[in-house]
Amino acid sequence: MSNNDYFTIAYKILSYLKYCYENGQDTDPNILKADTFDYIAATIHSHATDAK
C-alpha cells in the first residue's frame, strides 16, 4: 500500500484525532498540511509502543 493513498491518509488523520480526543488535547488545524503526516505517524507509533 502506498504511503499517500486515500486509506493511509484517512487512517493517519483519524488516528491523530482519536489520540487527541483520548488524551484531552486540542487538535491543531495546521496538522492537515502534507508535510506533517510523517510527524503524525511517528507520534502515534511512539505512543503506541510506549503503551505496551
C-alpha atoms as a PDB file:
ATOM      1  CA  MET A   1       0.000   0.000   0.000  1.00  0.00           C
ATOM      2  CA  SER A   2       1.274   3.431  -0.890  1.00  0.00           C
ATOM      3  CA  ASN A   3       2.085   5.886   1.875  1.00  0.00           C
ATOM      4  CA  ASN A   4      -0.080   8.568   0.268  1.00  0.00           C
ATOM      5  CA  ASP A   5      -3.174   6.680  -0.863  1.00  0.00           C
ATOM      6  CA  TYR A   6      -6.627   7.597   0.424  1.00  0.00           C
ATOM      7  CA  PHE A   7      -6.901   4.942   3.123  1.00  0.00           C
ATOM      8  CA  THR A   8      -3.447   5.629   4.544  1.00  0.00           C
ATOM      9  CA  ILE A   9      -4.102   9.369   4.768  1.00  0.00           C
ATOM     10  CA  ALA A  10      -7.579   8.836   6.244  1.00  0.00           C
ATOM     11  CA  TYR A  11      -6.119   6.445   8.836  1.00  0.00           C
ATOM     12  CA  LYS A  12      -3.448   8.959   9.857  1.00  0.00           C
ATOM     13  CA  ILE A  13      -5.945  11.793  10.216  1.00  0.00           C
ATOM     14  CA  LEU A  14      -8.439   9.717  12.180  1.00  0.00           C
ATOM     15  CA  SER A  15      -5.702   8.257  14.376  1.00  0.00           C
ATOM     16  CA  TYR A  16      -4.476  11.759  15.200  1.00  0.00           C
ATOM     17  CA  LEU A  17      -7.996  12.907  16.073  1.00  0.00           C
ATOM     18  CA  LYS A  18      -8.585   9.818  18.229  1.00  0.00           C
ATOM     19  CA  TYR A  19      -5.274  10.314  20.029  1.00  0.00           C
ATOM     20  CA  CYS A  20      -6.122  13.944  20.800  1.00  0.00           C
ATOM     21  CA  TYR A  21      -9.602  13.019  21.978  1.00  0.00           C
ATOM     22  CA  GLU A  22      -8.421  10.221  24.254  1.00  0.00           C
ATOM     23  CA  ASN A  23      -5.696  12.378  25.804  1.00  0.00           C
ATOM     24  CA  GLY A  24      -7.765  15.530  26.199  1.00  0.00           C
ATOM     25  CA  GLN A  25      -5.637  17.575  23.819  1.00  0.00           C
ATOM     26  CA  ASP A  26      -6.864  20.231  21.424  1.00  0.00           C
ATOM     27  CA  THR A  27      -6.332  19.472  17.771  1.00  0.00           C
ATOM     28  CA  ASP A  28      -4.149  21.665  15.609  1.00  0.00           C
ATOM     29  CA  PRO A  29      -5.879  22.639  12.326  1.00  0.00           C
ATOM     30  CA  ASN A  30      -2.474  23.180  10.714  1.00  0.00           C
ATOM     31  CA  ILE A  31      -1.790  19.476  11.103  1.00  0.00           C
ATOM     32  CA  LEU A  32      -3.510  18.780   7.784  1.00  0.00           C
ATOM     33  CA  LYS A  33      -0.503  20.016   5.828  1.00  0.00           C
ATOM     34  CA  ALA A  34       1.042  17.305   3.686  1.00  0.00           C
ATOM     35  CA  ASP A  35       4.458  17.542   5.342  1.00  0.00           C
ATOM     36  CA  THR A  36       3.047  16.778   8.789  1.00  0.00           C
ATOM     37  CA  PHE A  37       1.728  13.296   8.037  1.00  0.00           C
ATOM     38  CA  ASP A  38       5.110  11.723   8.725  1.00  0.00           C
ATOM     39  CA  TYR A  39       5.151  13.505  12.092  1.00  0.00           C
ATOM     40  CA  ILE A  40       1.666  12.190  12.921  1.00  0.00           C
ATOM     41  CA  ALA A  41       2.667   8.643  12.067  1.00  0.00           C
ATOM     42  CA  ALA A  42       5.843   8.888  14.148  1.00  0.00           C
ATOM     43  CA  THR A  43       3.993  10.366  17.136  1.00  0.00           C
ATOM     44  CA  ILE A  44       1.260   7.751  17.111  1.00  0.00           C
ATOM     45  CA  HIS A  45       3.767   4.949  16.665  1.00  0.00           C
ATOM     46  CA  SER A  46       5.960   6.148  19.525  1.00  0.00           C
ATOM     47  CA  HIS A  47       2.990   6.466  21.882  1.00  0.00           C
ATOM     48  CA  ALA A  48       1.648   3.077  20.856  1.00  0.00           C
ATOM     49  CA  THR A  49       4.963   1.398  21.605  1.00  0.00           C
ATOM     50  CA  ASP A  50       5.249   3.248  24.933  1.00  0.00           C
ATOM     51  CA  ALA A  51       1.836   1.913  25.997  1.00  0.00           C
ATOM     52  CA  LYS A  52       2.877  -1.716  25.555  1.00  0.00           C
END
